[in-house]
mmCIF file of all heavy atoms, coordinates in Angstrom:
data_MODEL
# 
_entry.id   MODEL 
# 
loop_
_atom_site.group_PDB 
_atom_site.id 
_atom_site.type_symbol 
_atom_site.label_atom_id 
_atom_site.label_alt_id 
_atom_site.label_comp_id 
_atom_site.label_asym_id 
_atom_site.label_entity_id 
_atom_site.label_seq_id 
_atom_site.pdbx_PDB_ins_code 
_atom_site.Cartn_x 
_atom_site.Cartn_y 
_atom_site.Cartn_z 
_atom_site.occupancy 
_atom_site.B_iso_or_equiv 
_atom_site.pdbx_formal_charge 
_atom_site.auth_seq_id 
_atom_site.auth_comp_id 
_atom_site.auth_asym_id 
_atom_site.auth_atom_id 
_atom_site.pdbx_PDB_model_num 
ATOM 1   N N   . SER A 1 1  ? 0.825  -1.209 0.000  1.00 0.00 ? 1  SER A N   1 
ATOM 2   C CA  . SER A 1 1  ? 0.000  0.000  0.000  1.00 0.00 ? 1  SER A CA  1 
ATOM 3   C C   . SER A 1 1  ? 0.858  1.257  0.000  1.00 0.00 ? 1  SER A C   1 
ATOM 4   O O   . SER A 1 1  ? 0.653  2.179  0.791  1.00 0.00 ? 1  SER A O   1 
ATOM 5   C CB  . SER A 1 1  ? -0.947 -0.008 1.210  1.00 0.00 ? 1  SER A CB  1 
ATOM 6   O OG  . SER A 1 1  ? -1.785 -1.149 1.208  1.00 0.00 ? 1  SER A OG  1 
ATOM 7   N N   . LEU A 1 2  ? 1.811  1.287  -0.894 1.00 0.00 ? 2  LEU A N   1 
ATOM 8   C CA  . LEU A 1 2  ? 2.769  2.384  -0.924 1.00 0.00 ? 2  LEU A CA  1 
ATOM 9   C C   . LEU A 1 2  ? 2.098  3.709  -1.254 1.00 0.00 ? 2  LEU A C   1 
ATOM 10  O O   . LEU A 1 2  ? 1.158  3.769  -2.047 1.00 0.00 ? 2  LEU A O   1 
ATOM 11  C CB  . LEU A 1 2  ? 3.880  2.090  -1.923 1.00 0.00 ? 2  LEU A CB  1 
ATOM 12  C CG  . LEU A 1 2  ? 4.913  1.078  -1.426 1.00 0.00 ? 2  LEU A CG  1 
ATOM 13  C CD1 . LEU A 1 2  ? 5.719  0.515  -2.585 1.00 0.00 ? 2  LEU A CD1 1 
ATOM 14  C CD2 . LEU A 1 2  ? 5.834  1.728  -0.393 1.00 0.00 ? 2  LEU A CD2 1 
ATOM 15  N N   . LYS A 1 3  ? 2.605  4.752  -0.624 1.00 0.00 ? 3  LYS A N   1 
ATOM 16  C CA  . LYS A 1 3  ? 2.105  6.098  -0.798 1.00 0.00 ? 3  LYS A CA  1 
ATOM 17  C C   . LYS A 1 3  ? 3.218  6.985  -1.344 1.00 0.00 ? 3  LYS A C   1 
ATOM 18  O O   . LYS A 1 3  ? 4.393  6.697  -1.133 1.00 0.00 ? 3  LYS A O   1 
ATOM 19  C CB  . LYS A 1 3  ? 1.620  6.666  0.539  1.00 0.00 ? 3  LYS A CB  1 
ATOM 20  C CG  . LYS A 1 3  ? 0.577  5.832  1.251  1.00 0.00 ? 3  LYS A CG  1 
ATOM 21  C CD  . LYS A 1 3  ? 0.278  6.406  2.630  1.00 0.00 ? 3  LYS A CD  1 
ATOM 22  C CE  . LYS A 1 3  ? -0.754 5.577  3.364  1.00 0.00 ? 3  LYS A CE  1 
ATOM 23  N NZ  . LYS A 1 3  ? -1.041 6.131  4.714  1.00 0.00 ? 3  LYS A NZ  1 
ATOM 24  N N   . PRO A 1 4  ? 2.863  8.074  -2.015 1.00 0.00 ? 4  PRO A N   1 
ATOM 25  C CA  . PRO A 1 4  ? 3.906  8.977  -2.506 1.00 0.00 ? 4  PRO A CA  1 
ATOM 26  C C   . PRO A 1 4  ? 4.851  9.454  -1.408 1.00 0.00 ? 4  PRO A C   1 
ATOM 27  O O   . PRO A 1 4  ? 6.042  9.655  -1.666 1.00 0.00 ? 4  PRO A O   1 
ATOM 28  C CB  . PRO A 1 4  ? 3.113  10.143 -3.098 1.00 0.00 ? 4  PRO A CB  1 
ATOM 29  C CG  . PRO A 1 4  ? 1.840  9.511  -3.559 1.00 0.00 ? 4  PRO A CG  1 
ATOM 30  C CD  . PRO A 1 4  ? 1.525  8.474  -2.508 1.00 0.00 ? 4  PRO A CD  1 
ATOM 31  N N   . GLU A 1 5  ? 4.348  9.616  -0.192 1.00 0.00 ? 5  GLU A N   1 
ATOM 32  C CA  . GLU A 1 5  ? 5.195  10.058 0.905  1.00 0.00 ? 5  GLU A CA  1 
ATOM 33  C C   . GLU A 1 5  ? 6.201  9.004  1.365  1.00 0.00 ? 5  GLU A C   1 
ATOM 34  O O   . GLU A 1 5  ? 7.064  9.295  2.194  1.00 0.00 ? 5  GLU A O   1 
ATOM 35  C CB  . GLU A 1 5  ? 4.351  10.535 2.102  1.00 0.00 ? 5  GLU A CB  1 
ATOM 36  C CG  . GLU A 1 5  ? 3.279  9.552  2.535  1.00 0.00 ? 5  GLU A CG  1 
ATOM 37  C CD  . GLU A 1 5  ? 1.912  9.896  1.956  1.00 0.00 ? 5  GLU A CD  1 
ATOM 38  O OE1 . GLU A 1 5  ? 1.827  10.190 0.748  1.00 0.00 ? 5  GLU A OE1 1 
ATOM 39  O OE2 . GLU A 1 5  ? 0.928  9.870  2.728  1.00 0.00 ? 5  GLU A OE2 1 
ATOM 40  N N   . ASP A 1 6  ? 6.103  7.788  0.830  1.00 0.00 ? 6  ASP A N   1 
ATOM 41  C CA  . ASP A 1 6  ? 7.102  6.763  1.099  1.00 0.00 ? 6  ASP A CA  1 
ATOM 42  C C   . ASP A 1 6  ? 8.340  6.928  0.224  1.00 0.00 ? 6  ASP A C   1 
ATOM 43  O O   . ASP A 1 6  ? 9.328  6.213  0.415  1.00 0.00 ? 6  ASP A O   1 
ATOM 44  C CB  . ASP A 1 6  ? 6.520  5.360  0.887  1.00 0.00 ? 6  ASP A CB  1 
ATOM 45  C CG  . ASP A 1 6  ? 5.409  5.030  1.860  1.00 0.00 ? 6  ASP A CG  1 
ATOM 46  O OD1 . ASP A 1 6  ? 5.530  5.378  3.055  1.00 0.00 ? 6  ASP A OD1 1 
ATOM 47  O OD2 . ASP A 1 6  ? 4.413  4.411  1.429  1.00 0.00 ? 6  ASP A OD2 1 
ATOM 48  N N   . THR A 1 7  ? 8.277  7.827  -0.735 1.00 0.00 ? 7  THR A N   1 
ATOM 49  C CA  . THR A 1 7  ? 9.403  8.058  -1.626 1.00 0.00 ? 7  THR A CA  1 
ATOM 50  C C   . THR A 1 7  ? 10.625 8.502  -0.834 1.00 0.00 ? 7  THR A C   1 
ATOM 51  O O   . THR A 1 7  ? 10.579 9.483  -0.092 1.00 0.00 ? 7  THR A O   1 
ATOM 52  C CB  . THR A 1 7  ? 9.049  9.107  -2.685 1.00 0.00 ? 7  THR A CB  1 
ATOM 53  O OG1 . THR A 1 7  ? 8.003  8.608  -3.523 1.00 0.00 ? 7  THR A OG1 1 
ATOM 54  C CG2 . THR A 1 7  ? 10.253 9.438  -3.548 1.00 0.00 ? 7  THR A CG2 1 
ATOM 55  N N   . ALA A 1 8  ? 11.719 7.776  -0.987 1.00 0.00 ? 8  ALA A N   1 
ATOM 56  C CA  . ALA A 1 8  ? 12.937 8.057  -0.238 1.00 0.00 ? 8  ALA A CA  1 
ATOM 57  C C   . ALA A 1 8  ? 14.020 7.082  -0.677 1.00 0.00 ? 8  ALA A C   1 
ATOM 58  O O   . ALA A 1 8  ? 13.758 6.118  -1.395 1.00 0.00 ? 8  ALA A O   1 
ATOM 59  C CB  . ALA A 1 8  ? 12.694 7.916  1.270  1.00 0.00 ? 8  ALA A CB  1 
ATOM 60  N N   . VAL A 1 9  ? 15.233 7.345  -0.219 1.00 0.00 ? 9  VAL A N   1 
ATOM 61  C CA  . VAL A 1 9  ? 16.290 6.355  -0.305 1.00 0.00 ? 9  VAL A CA  1 
ATOM 62  C C   . VAL A 1 9  ? 16.221 5.519  0.966  1.00 0.00 ? 9  VAL A C   1 
ATOM 63  O O   . VAL A 1 9  ? 16.194 6.067  2.070  1.00 0.00 ? 9  VAL A O   1 
ATOM 64  C CB  . VAL A 1 9  ? 17.681 6.991  -0.455 1.00 0.00 ? 9  VAL A CB  1 
ATOM 65  C CG1 . VAL A 1 9  ? 18.763 5.919  -0.477 1.00 0.00 ? 9  VAL A CG1 1 
ATOM 66  C CG2 . VAL A 1 9  ? 17.739 7.828  -1.730 1.00 0.00 ? 9  VAL A CG2 1 
ATOM 67  N N   . TYR A 1 10 ? 16.189 4.214  0.803  1.00 0.00 ? 10 TYR A N   1 
ATOM 68  C CA  . TYR A 1 10 ? 16.072 3.309  1.937  1.00 0.00 ? 10 TYR A CA  1 
ATOM 69  C C   . TYR A 1 10 ? 17.418 2.655  2.231  1.00 0.00 ? 10 TYR A C   1 
ATOM 70  O O   . TYR A 1 10 ? 18.108 2.182  1.326  1.00 0.00 ? 10 TYR A O   1 
ATOM 71  C CB  . TYR A 1 10 ? 15.023 2.240  1.658  1.00 0.00 ? 10 TYR A CB  1 
ATOM 72  C CG  . TYR A 1 10 ? 13.611 2.760  1.780  1.00 0.00 ? 10 TYR A CG  1 
ATOM 73  C CD1 . TYR A 1 10 ? 13.086 3.625  0.827  1.00 0.00 ? 10 TYR A CD1 1 
ATOM 74  C CD2 . TYR A 1 10 ? 12.805 2.404  2.864  1.00 0.00 ? 10 TYR A CD2 1 
ATOM 75  C CE1 . TYR A 1 10 ? 11.800 4.127  0.948  1.00 0.00 ? 10 TYR A CE1 1 
ATOM 76  C CE2 . TYR A 1 10 ? 11.520 2.893  2.990  1.00 0.00 ? 10 TYR A CE2 1 
ATOM 77  C CZ  . TYR A 1 10 ? 11.021 3.754  2.033  1.00 0.00 ? 10 TYR A CZ  1 
ATOM 78  O OH  . TYR A 1 10 ? 9.739  4.246  2.157  1.00 0.00 ? 10 TYR A OH  1 
ATOM 79  N N   . TYR A 1 11 ? 17.768 2.631  3.504  1.00 0.00 ? 11 TYR A N   1 
ATOM 80  C CA  . TYR A 1 11 ? 19.027 2.072  3.964  1.00 0.00 ? 11 TYR A CA  1 
ATOM 81  C C   . TYR A 1 11 ? 18.775 1.033  5.045  1.00 0.00 ? 11 TYR A C   1 
ATOM 82  O O   . TYR A 1 11 ? 17.814 1.132  5.797  1.00 0.00 ? 11 TYR A O   1 
ATOM 83  C CB  . TYR A 1 11 ? 19.919 3.149  4.587  1.00 0.00 ? 11 TYR A CB  1 
ATOM 84  C CG  . TYR A 1 11 ? 20.243 4.325  3.709  1.00 0.00 ? 11 TYR A CG  1 
ATOM 85  C CD1 . TYR A 1 11 ? 19.391 5.424  3.642  1.00 0.00 ? 11 TYR A CD1 1 
ATOM 86  C CD2 . TYR A 1 11 ? 21.412 4.357  2.969  1.00 0.00 ? 11 TYR A CD2 1 
ATOM 87  C CE1 . TYR A 1 11 ? 19.694 6.523  2.850  1.00 0.00 ? 11 TYR A CE1 1 
ATOM 88  C CE2 . TYR A 1 11 ? 21.728 5.449  2.180  1.00 0.00 ? 11 TYR A CE2 1 
ATOM 89  C CZ  . TYR A 1 11 ? 20.862 6.532  2.129  1.00 0.00 ? 11 TYR A CZ  1 
ATOM 90  O OH  . TYR A 1 11 ? 21.172 7.620  1.355  1.00 0.00 ? 11 TYR A OH  1 
ATOM 91  N N   . CYS A 1 12 ? 19.647 0.059  5.137  1.00 0.00 ? 12 CYS A N   1 
ATOM 92  C CA  . CYS A 1 12 ? 19.633 -0.813 6.297  1.00 0.00 ? 12 CYS A CA  1 
ATOM 93  C C   . CYS A 1 12 ? 20.936 -0.637 7.062  1.00 0.00 ? 12 CYS A C   1 
ATOM 94  O O   . CYS A 1 12 ? 21.956 -0.246 6.502  1.00 0.00 ? 12 CYS A O   1 
ATOM 95  C CB  . CYS A 1 12 ? 19.422 -2.286 5.918  1.00 0.00 ? 12 CYS A CB  1 
ATOM 96  S SG  . CYS A 1 12 ? 20.707 -3.031 4.893  1.00 0.00 ? 12 CYS A SG  1 
ATOM 97  N N   . SER A 1 13 ? 20.872 -0.893 8.351  1.00 0.00 ? 13 SER A N   1 
ATOM 98  C CA  . SER A 1 13 ? 22.027 -0.742 9.207  1.00 0.00 ? 13 SER A CA  1 
ATOM 99  C C   . SER A 1 13 ? 21.796 -1.547 10.471 1.00 0.00 ? 13 SER A C   1 
ATOM 100 O O   . SER A 1 13 ? 20.679 -1.984 10.732 1.00 0.00 ? 13 SER A O   1 
ATOM 101 C CB  . SER A 1 13 ? 22.242 0.739  9.549  1.00 0.00 ? 13 SER A CB  1 
ATOM 102 O OG  . SER A 1 13 ? 23.427 0.927  10.304 1.00 0.00 ? 13 SER A OG  1 
ATOM 103 N N   . TRP A 1 14 ? 22.852 -1.777 11.205 1.00 0.00 ? 14 TRP A N   1 
ATOM 104 C CA  . TRP A 1 14 ? 22.713 -2.466 12.472 1.00 0.00 ? 14 TRP A CA  1 
ATOM 105 C C   . TRP A 1 14 ? 23.013 -1.520 13.620 1.00 0.00 ? 14 TRP A C   1 
ATOM 106 O O   . TRP A 1 14 ? 23.802 -0.592 13.498 1.00 0.00 ? 14 TRP A O   1 
ATOM 107 C CB  . TRP A 1 14 ? 23.605 -3.720 12.527 1.00 0.00 ? 14 TRP A CB  1 
ATOM 108 C CG  . TRP A 1 14 ? 25.086 -3.471 12.457 1.00 0.00 ? 14 TRP A CG  1 
ATOM 109 C CD1 . TRP A 1 14 ? 25.939 -3.296 13.502 1.00 0.00 ? 14 TRP A CD1 1 
ATOM 110 C CD2 . TRP A 1 14 ? 25.883 -3.396 11.266 1.00 0.00 ? 14 TRP A CD2 1 
ATOM 111 N NE1 . TRP A 1 14 ? 27.221 -3.104 13.050 1.00 0.00 ? 14 TRP A NE1 1 
ATOM 112 C CE2 . TRP A 1 14 ? 27.214 -3.169 11.678 1.00 0.00 ? 14 TRP A CE2 1 
ATOM 113 C CE3 . TRP A 1 14 ? 25.603 -3.503 9.906  1.00 0.00 ? 14 TRP A CE3 1 
ATOM 114 C CZ2 . TRP A 1 14 ? 28.268 -3.038 10.767 1.00 0.00 ? 14 TRP A CZ2 1 
ATOM 115 C CZ3 . TRP A 1 14 ? 26.651 -3.371 8.995  1.00 0.00 ? 14 TRP A CZ3 1 
ATOM 116 C CH2 . TRP A 1 14 ? 27.959 -3.147 9.431  1.00 0.00 ? 14 TRP A CH2 1 
ATOM 117 N N   . TYR A 1 15 ? 22.362 -1.768 14.730 1.00 0.00 ? 15 TYR A N   1 
ATOM 118 C CA  . TYR A 1 15 ? 22.573 -0.957 15.906 1.00 0.00 ? 15 TYR A CA  1 
ATOM 119 C C   . TYR A 1 15 ? 24.032 -0.950 16.300 1.00 0.00 ? 15 TYR A C   1 
ATOM 120 O O   . TYR A 1 15 ? 24.673 -2.003 16.284 1.00 0.00 ? 15 TYR A O   1 
ATOM 121 C CB  . TYR A 1 15 ? 21.728 -1.488 17.075 1.00 0.00 ? 15 TYR A CB  1 
ATOM 122 C CG  . TYR A 1 15 ? 21.760 -0.621 18.304 1.00 0.00 ? 15 TYR A CG  1 
ATOM 123 C CD1 . TYR A 1 15 ? 20.897 0.454  18.436 1.00 0.00 ? 15 TYR A CD1 1 
ATOM 124 C CD2 . TYR A 1 15 ? 22.661 -0.871 19.335 1.00 0.00 ? 15 TYR A CD2 1 
ATOM 125 C CE1 . TYR A 1 15 ? 20.927 1.256  19.556 1.00 0.00 ? 15 TYR A CE1 1 
ATOM 126 C CE2 . TYR A 1 15 ? 22.697 -0.070 20.464 1.00 0.00 ? 15 TYR A CE2 1 
ATOM 127 C CZ  . TYR A 1 15 ? 21.830 0.997  20.562 1.00 0.00 ? 15 TYR A CZ  1 
ATOM 128 O OH  . TYR A 1 15 ? 21.858 1.792  21.683 1.00 0.00 ? 15 TYR A OH  1 
ATOM 129 N N   . PRO A 1 16 ? 24.630 0.187  16.604 1.00 0.00 ? 16 PRO A N   1 
ATOM 130 C CA  . PRO A 1 16 ? 24.036 1.495  16.901 1.00 0.00 ? 16 PRO A CA  1 
ATOM 131 C C   . PRO A 1 16 ? 23.834 2.414  15.705 1.00 0.00 ? 16 PRO A C   1 
ATOM 132 O O   . PRO A 1 16 ? 23.819 3.642  15.878 1.00 0.00 ? 16 PRO A O   1 
ATOM 133 C CB  . PRO A 1 16 ? 25.037 2.077  17.891 1.00 0.00 ? 16 PRO A CB  1 
ATOM 134 C CG  . PRO A 1 16 ? 26.354 1.579  17.404 1.00 0.00 ? 16 PRO A CG  1 
ATOM 135 C CD  . PRO A 1 16 ? 26.075 0.176  16.904 1.00 0.00 ? 16 PRO A CD  1 
ATOM 136 N N   . TYR A 1 17 ? 23.684 1.840  14.517 1.00 0.00 ? 17 TYR A N   1 
ATOM 137 C CA  . TYR A 1 17 ? 23.313 2.609  13.323 1.00 0.00 ? 17 TYR A CA  1 
ATOM 138 C C   . TYR A 1 17 ? 24.331 3.687  12.983 1.00 0.00 ? 17 TYR A C   1 
ATOM 139 O O   . TYR A 1 17 ? 24.020 4.878  12.926 1.00 0.00 ? 17 TYR A O   1 
ATOM 140 C CB  . TYR A 1 17 ? 21.915 3.228  13.499 1.00 0.00 ? 17 TYR A CB  1 
ATOM 141 C CG  . TYR A 1 17 ? 20.843 2.258  13.917 1.00 0.00 ? 17 TYR A CG  1 
ATOM 142 C CD1 . TYR A 1 17 ? 19.978 2.556  14.970 1.00 0.00 ? 17 TYR A CD1 1 
ATOM 143 C CD2 . TYR A 1 17 ? 20.681 1.041  13.268 1.00 0.00 ? 17 TYR A CD2 1 
ATOM 144 C CE1 . TYR A 1 17 ? 18.984 1.666  15.357 1.00 0.00 ? 17 TYR A CE1 1 
ATOM 145 C CE2 . TYR A 1 17 ? 19.699 0.146  13.649 1.00 0.00 ? 17 TYR A CE2 1 
ATOM 146 C CZ  . TYR A 1 17 ? 18.853 0.464  14.690 1.00 0.00 ? 17 TYR A CZ  1 
ATOM 147 O OH  . TYR A 1 17 ? 17.855 -0.415 15.075 1.00 0.00 ? 17 TYR A OH  1 
ATOM 148 N N   . VAL A 1 18 ? 25.539 3.238  12.749 1.00 0.00 ? 18 VAL A N   1 
ATOM 149 C CA  . VAL A 1 18 ? 26.598 4.158  12.338 1.00 0.00 ? 18 VAL A CA  1 
ATOM 150 C C   . VAL A 1 18 ? 27.220 3.761  11.008 1.00 0.00 ? 18 VAL A C   1 
ATOM 151 O O   . VAL A 1 18 ? 28.015 4.515  10.460 1.00 0.00 ? 18 VAL A O   1 
ATOM 152 C CB  . VAL A 1 18 ? 27.698 4.273  13.414 1.00 0.00 ? 18 VAL A CB  1 
ATOM 153 C CG1 . VAL A 1 18 ? 27.140 4.886  14.684 1.00 0.00 ? 18 VAL A CG1 1 
ATOM 154 C CG2 . VAL A 1 18 ? 28.331 2.921  13.695 1.00 0.00 ? 18 VAL A CG2 1 
ATOM 155 N N   . ASN A 1 19 ? 26.870 2.589  10.501 1.00 0.00 ? 19 ASN A N   1 
ATOM 156 C CA  . ASN A 1 19 ? 27.395 2.112  9.227  1.00 0.00 ? 19 ASN A CA  1 
ATOM 157 C C   . ASN A 1 19 ? 26.289 2.075  8.191  1.00 0.00 ? 19 ASN A C   1 
ATOM 158 O O   . ASN A 1 19 ? 25.194 1.580  8.463  1.00 0.00 ? 19 ASN A O   1 
ATOM 159 C CB  . ASN A 1 19 ? 28.017 0.725  9.383  1.00 0.00 ? 19 ASN A CB  1 
ATOM 160 C CG  . ASN A 1 19 ? 29.195 0.713  10.327 1.00 0.00 ? 19 ASN A CG  1 
ATOM 161 O OD1 . ASN A 1 19 ? 30.249 1.247  10.019 1.00 0.00 ? 19 ASN A OD1 1 
ATOM 162 N ND2 . ASN A 1 19 ? 29.014 0.116  11.498 1.00 0.00 ? 19 ASN A ND2 1 
ATOM 163 N N   . TRP A 1 20 ? 26.607 2.590  6.997  1.00 0.00 ? 20 TRP A N   1 
ATOM 164 C CA  . TRP A 1 20 ? 25.599 2.724  5.957  1.00 0.00 ? 20 TRP A CA  1 
ATOM 165 C C   . TRP A 1 20 ? 26.130 2.282  4.612  1.00 0.00 ? 20 TRP A C   1 
ATOM 166 O O   . TRP A 1 20 ? 27.304 2.466  4.299  1.00 0.00 ? 20 TRP A O   1 
ATOM 167 C CB  . TRP A 1 20 ? 25.112 4.177  5.850  1.00 0.00 ? 20 TRP A CB  1 
ATOM 168 C CG  . TRP A 1 20 ? 24.692 4.749  7.163  1.00 0.00 ? 20 TRP A CG  1 
ATOM 169 C CD1 . TRP A 1 20 ? 25.444 5.492  8.021  1.00 0.00 ? 20 TRP A CD1 1 
ATOM 170 C CD2 . TRP A 1 20 ? 23.419 4.590  7.795  1.00 0.00 ? 20 TRP A CD2 1 
ATOM 171 N NE1 . TRP A 1 20 ? 24.719 5.815  9.144  1.00 0.00 ? 20 TRP A NE1 1 
ATOM 172 C CE2 . TRP A 1 20 ? 23.476 5.284  9.026  1.00 0.00 ? 20 TRP A CE2 1 
ATOM 173 C CE3 . TRP A 1 20 ? 22.237 3.948  7.425  1.00 0.00 ? 20 TRP A CE3 1 
ATOM 174 C CZ2 . TRP A 1 20 ? 22.388 5.328  9.895  1.00 0.00 ? 20 TRP A CZ2 1 
ATOM 175 C CZ3 . TRP A 1 20 ? 21.162 3.994  8.292  1.00 0.00 ? 20 TRP A CZ3 1 
ATOM 176 C CH2 . TRP A 1 20 ? 21.244 4.683  9.505  1.00 0.00 ? 20 TRP A CH2 1 
ATOM 177 N N   . GLY A 1 21 ? 25.253 1.705  3.806  1.00 0.00 ? 21 GLY A N   1 
ATOM 178 C CA  . GLY A 1 21 ? 25.585 1.384  2.432  1.00 0.00 ? 21 GLY A CA  1 
ATOM 179 C C   . GLY A 1 21 ? 25.139 2.493  1.509  1.00 0.00 ? 21 GLY A C   1 
ATOM 180 O O   . GLY A 1 21 ? 24.943 3.636  1.921  1.00 0.00 ? 21 GLY A O   1 
ATOM 181 N N   . GLN A 1 22 ? 24.976 2.142  0.233  1.00 0.00 ? 22 GLN A N   1 
ATOM 182 C CA  . GLN A 1 22 ? 24.568 3.128  -0.761 1.00 0.00 ? 22 GLN A CA  1 
ATOM 183 C C   . GLN A 1 22 ? 23.069 3.410  -0.739 1.00 0.00 ? 22 GLN A C   1 
ATOM 184 O O   . GLN A 1 22 ? 22.625 4.436  -1.236 1.00 0.00 ? 22 GLN A O   1 
ATOM 185 C CB  . GLN A 1 22 ? 24.983 2.675  -2.156 1.00 0.00 ? 22 GLN A CB  1 
ATOM 186 C CG  . GLN A 1 22 ? 26.484 2.620  -2.369 1.00 0.00 ? 22 GLN A CG  1 
ATOM 187 C CD  . GLN A 1 22 ? 27.118 3.985  -2.244 1.00 0.00 ? 22 GLN A CD  1 
ATOM 188 O OE1 . GLN A 1 22 ? 26.697 4.937  -2.908 1.00 0.00 ? 22 GLN A OE1 1 
ATOM 189 N NE2 . GLN A 1 22 ? 28.116 4.101  -1.375 1.00 0.00 ? 22 GLN A NE2 1 
ATOM 190 N N   . GLY A 1 23 ? 22.297 2.497  -0.177 1.00 0.00 ? 23 GLY A N   1 
ATOM 191 C CA  . GLY A 1 23 ? 20.865 2.652  -0.149 1.00 0.00 ? 23 GLY A CA  1 
ATOM 192 C C   . GLY A 1 23 ? 20.227 2.235  -1.464 1.00 0.00 ? 23 GLY A C   1 
ATOM 193 O O   . GLY A 1 23 ? 20.907 1.997  -2.463 1.00 0.00 ? 23 GLY A O   1 
ATOM 194 N N   . THR A 1 24 ? 18.907 2.150  -1.460 1.00 0.00 ? 24 THR A N   1 
ATOM 195 C CA  . THR A 1 24 ? 18.166 1.834  -2.667 1.00 0.00 ? 24 THR A CA  1 
ATOM 196 C C   . THR A 1 24 ? 16.987 2.798  -2.780 1.00 0.00 ? 24 THR A C   1 
ATOM 197 O O   . THR A 1 24 ? 16.290 3.063  -1.806 1.00 0.00 ? 24 THR A O   1 
ATOM 198 C CB  . THR A 1 24 ? 17.706 0.358  -2.665 1.00 0.00 ? 24 THR A CB  1 
ATOM 199 O OG1 . THR A 1 24 ? 17.073 0.040  -3.909 1.00 0.00 ? 24 THR A OG1 1 
ATOM 200 C CG2 . THR A 1 24 ? 16.749 0.060  -1.515 1.00 0.00 ? 24 THR A CG2 1 
ATOM 201 N N   . GLN A 1 25 ? 16.802 3.339  -3.962 1.00 0.00 ? 25 GLN A N   1 
ATOM 202 C CA  . GLN A 1 25 ? 15.794 4.375  -4.185 1.00 0.00 ? 25 GLN A CA  1 
ATOM 203 C C   . GLN A 1 25 ? 14.416 3.756  -4.371 1.00 0.00 ? 25 GLN A C   1 
ATOM 204 O O   . GLN A 1 25 ? 14.234 2.851  -5.188 1.00 0.00 ? 25 GLN A O   1 
ATOM 205 C CB  . GLN A 1 25 ? 16.151 5.215  -5.412 1.00 0.00 ? 25 GLN A CB  1 
ATOM 206 C CG  . GLN A 1 25 ? 15.104 6.261  -5.795 1.00 0.00 ? 25 GLN A CG  1 
ATOM 207 C CD  . GLN A 1 25 ? 15.046 7.410  -4.824 1.00 0.00 ? 25 GLN A CD  1 
ATOM 208 O OE1 . GLN A 1 25 ? 16.082 7.995  -4.502 1.00 0.00 ? 25 GLN A OE1 1 
ATOM 209 N NE2 . GLN A 1 25 ? 13.848 7.749  -4.352 1.00 0.00 ? 25 GLN A NE2 1 
ATOM 210 N N   . VAL A 1 26 ? 13.453 4.265  -3.628 1.00 0.00 ? 26 VAL A N   1 
ATOM 211 C CA  . VAL A 1 26 ? 12.051 3.905  -3.796 1.00 0.00 ? 26 VAL A CA  1 
ATOM 212 C C   . VAL A 1 26 ? 11.297 5.159  -4.194 1.00 0.00 ? 26 VAL A C   1 
ATOM 213 O O   . VAL A 1 26 ? 11.333 6.158  -3.483 1.00 0.00 ? 26 VAL A O   1 
ATOM 214 C CB  . VAL A 1 26 ? 11.451 3.307  -2.509 1.00 0.00 ? 26 VAL A CB  1 
ATOM 215 C CG1 . VAL A 1 26 ? 9.941  3.116  -2.658 1.00 0.00 ? 26 VAL A CG1 1 
ATOM 216 C CG2 . VAL A 1 26 ? 12.124 1.986  -2.174 1.00 0.00 ? 26 VAL A CG2 1 
ATOM 217 N N   . THR A 1 27 ? 10.641 5.101  -5.328 1.00 0.00 ? 27 THR A N   1 
ATOM 218 C CA  . THR A 1 27 ? 9.854  6.226  -5.807 1.00 0.00 ? 27 THR A CA  1 
ATOM 219 C C   . THR A 1 27 ? 8.419  5.770  -6.034 1.00 0.00 ? 27 THR A C   1 
ATOM 220 O O   . THR A 1 27 ? 8.185  4.828  -6.792 1.00 0.00 ? 27 THR A O   1 
ATOM 221 C CB  . THR A 1 27 ? 10.427 6.797  -7.108 1.00 0.00 ? 27 THR A CB  1 
ATOM 222 O OG1 . THR A 1 27 ? 11.791 7.183  -6.905 1.00 0.00 ? 27 THR A OG1 1 
ATOM 223 C CG2 . THR A 1 27 ? 9.627  8.007  -7.563 1.00 0.00 ? 27 THR A CG2 1 
ATOM 224 N N   . VAL A 1 28 ? 7.489  6.431  -5.381 1.00 0.00 ? 28 VAL A N   1 
ATOM 225 C CA  . VAL A 1 28 ? 6.075  6.092  -5.490 1.00 0.00 ? 28 VAL A CA  1 
ATOM 226 C C   . VAL A 1 28 ? 5.366  7.240  -6.189 1.00 0.00 ? 28 VAL A C   1 
ATOM 227 O O   . VAL A 1 28 ? 5.364  8.369  -5.695 1.00 0.00 ? 28 VAL A O   1 
ATOM 228 C CB  . VAL A 1 28 ? 5.443  5.835  -4.117 1.00 0.00 ? 28 VAL A CB  1 
ATOM 229 C CG1 . VAL A 1 28 ? 3.995  5.394  -4.282 1.00 0.00 ? 28 VAL A CG1 1 
ATOM 230 C CG2 . VAL A 1 28 ? 6.244  4.781  -3.354 1.00 0.00 ? 28 VAL A CG2 1 
# 
């Protein structure tokens, strides 16, 4: 049920959330 406001770059990380990858773009 994606909404336009879900548009963003999405990242995953592990606690304490200091390491990041390139992310993946979601556009609704």
